[in-house]
C-alpha atoms as a PDB file:
ATOM      1  CA  MET A   1     -13.612 -18.962  -1.911  1.00  0.00           C
ATOM      2  CA  PHE A   2     -11.328 -19.773  -4.763  1.00  0.00           C
ATOM      3  CA  GLY A   3     -12.131 -20.207  -8.418  1.00  0.00           C
ATOM      4  CA  GLN A   4     -10.451 -22.038 -11.341  1.00  0.00           C
ATOM      5  CA  GLY A   5      -7.094 -23.104  -9.962  1.00  0.00           C
ATOM      6  CA  HIS A   6      -6.378 -20.011  -7.897  1.00  0.00           C
ATOM      7  CA  TRP A   7      -6.485 -22.012  -4.688  1.00  0.00           C
ATOM      8  CA  ARG A   8      -3.568 -24.280  -5.541  1.00  0.00           C
ATOM      9  CA  ALA A   9      -0.548 -21.961  -5.093  1.00  0.00           C
ATOM     10  CA  PRO A  10      -1.490 -20.489  -1.673  1.00  0.00           C
ATOM     11  CA  VAL A  11      -2.549 -23.892  -0.341  1.00  0.00           C
ATOM     12  CA  ALA A  12       0.578 -25.599  -1.541  1.00  0.00           C
ATOM     13  CA  LYS A  13       2.786 -22.787  -0.316  1.00  0.00           C
ATOM     14  CA  ALA A  14       1.227 -23.144   3.148  1.00  0.00           C
ATOM     15  CA  ARG A  15       2.173 -26.878   2.903  1.00  0.00           C
ATOM     16  CA  TYR A  16      -1.442 -27.784   3.767  1.00  0.00           C
ATOM     17  CA  ASP A  17      -1.910 -31.394   4.721  1.00  0.00           C
ATOM     18  CA  GLY A  18      -5.619 -32.048   5.229  1.00  0.00           C
ATOM     19  CA  TRP A  19      -8.931 -32.357   3.504  1.00  0.00           C
ATOM     20  CA  LEU A  20      -9.994 -30.626   0.322  1.00  0.00           C
ATOM     21  CA  ILE A  21     -13.757 -30.201   0.251  1.00  0.00           C
ATOM     22  CA  VAL A  22     -15.941 -29.071  -2.644  1.00  0.00           C
ATOM     23  CA  ALA A  23     -19.516 -27.971  -2.359  1.00  0.00           C
ATOM     24  CA  ALA A  24     -21.842 -27.254  -5.245  1.00  0.00           C
ATOM     25  CA  GLU A  25     -25.513 -26.997  -5.889  1.00  0.00           C
ATOM     26  CA  GLN A  26     -27.247 -27.834  -9.059  1.00  0.00           C
ATOM     27  CA  ASP A  27     -30.595 -29.087 -10.328  1.00  0.00           C
ATOM     28  CA  PRO A  28     -30.437 -32.867 -10.308  1.00  0.00           C
ATOM     29  CA  ALA A  29     -32.975 -32.988 -13.157  1.00  0.00           C
ATOM     30  CA  LYS A  30     -30.402 -31.097 -15.362  1.00  0.00           C
ATOM     31  CA  ALA A  31     -27.159 -32.451 -13.869  1.00  0.00           C
ATOM     32  CA  PRO A  32     -27.263 -36.035 -12.658  1.00  0.00           C
ATOM     33  CA  PRO A  33     -25.520 -36.082  -9.246  1.00  0.00           C
ATOM     34  CA  LEU A  34     -23.378 -39.170  -9.621  1.00  0.00           C
ATOM     35  CA  THR A  35     -22.126 -38.028 -13.045  1.00  0.00           C
ATOM     36  CA  TYR A  36     -21.119 -34.630 -11.665  1.00  0.00           C
ATOM     37  CA  VAL A  37     -19.609 -36.011  -8.448  1.00  0.00           C
ATOM     38  CA  ARG A  38     -17.309 -38.210 -10.668  1.00  0.00           C
ATOM     39  CA  LYS A  39     -16.440 -35.227 -12.898  1.00  0.00           C
ATOM     40  CA  GLY A  40     -15.678 -33.063  -9.913  1.00  0.00           C
ATOM     41  CA  PHE A  41     -13.548 -35.652  -8.181  1.00  0.00           C
ATOM     42  CA  THR A  42     -11.563 -36.297 -11.386  1.00  0.00           C
ATOM     43  CA  HIS A  43     -10.958 -32.561 -11.828  1.00  0.00           C
ATOM     44  CA  LEU A  44     -10.019 -31.976  -8.177  1.00  0.00           C
ATOM     45  CA  HIS A  45      -7.716 -35.009  -8.085  1.00  0.00           C
ATOM     46  CA  ALA A  46      -5.887 -33.835 -11.208  1.00  0.00           C
ATOM     47  CA  ALA A  47      -5.666 -30.214 -10.006  1.00  0.00           C
ATOM     48  CA  ALA A  48      -4.361 -31.195  -6.584  1.00  0.00           C
ATOM     49  CA  GLY A  49      -1.817 -33.563  -8.208  1.00  0.00           C
ATOM     50  CA  GLN A  50      -0.553 -30.761 -10.496  1.00  0.00           C
ATOM     51  CA  ALA A  51      -0.077 -28.557  -7.410  1.00  0.00           C
ATOM     52  CA  GLY A  52       2.103 -31.237  -5.833  1.00  0.00           C
ATOM     53  CA  PHE A  53      -0.349 -32.769  -3.429  1.00  0.00           C
ATOM     54  CA  ARG A  54      -0.357 -36.504  -2.852  1.00  0.00           C
ATOM     55  CA  ILE A  55      -3.881 -37.863  -2.840  1.00  0.00           C
ATOM     56  CA  GLY A  56      -4.276 -40.873  -0.682  1.00  0.00           C
END
């Protein structure tokens, strides 16, 4: 398990070319799922791009 950005360097160094999967649990009454899926995707897309990954 990796936290805040610590995953990028080792994954990029290994020249990984596959799926990035994020799993999270939250109370849908407090955190609307679609809103948080979009936020998570936006963050992951930006972080992966900064690490040099091409998102297709």
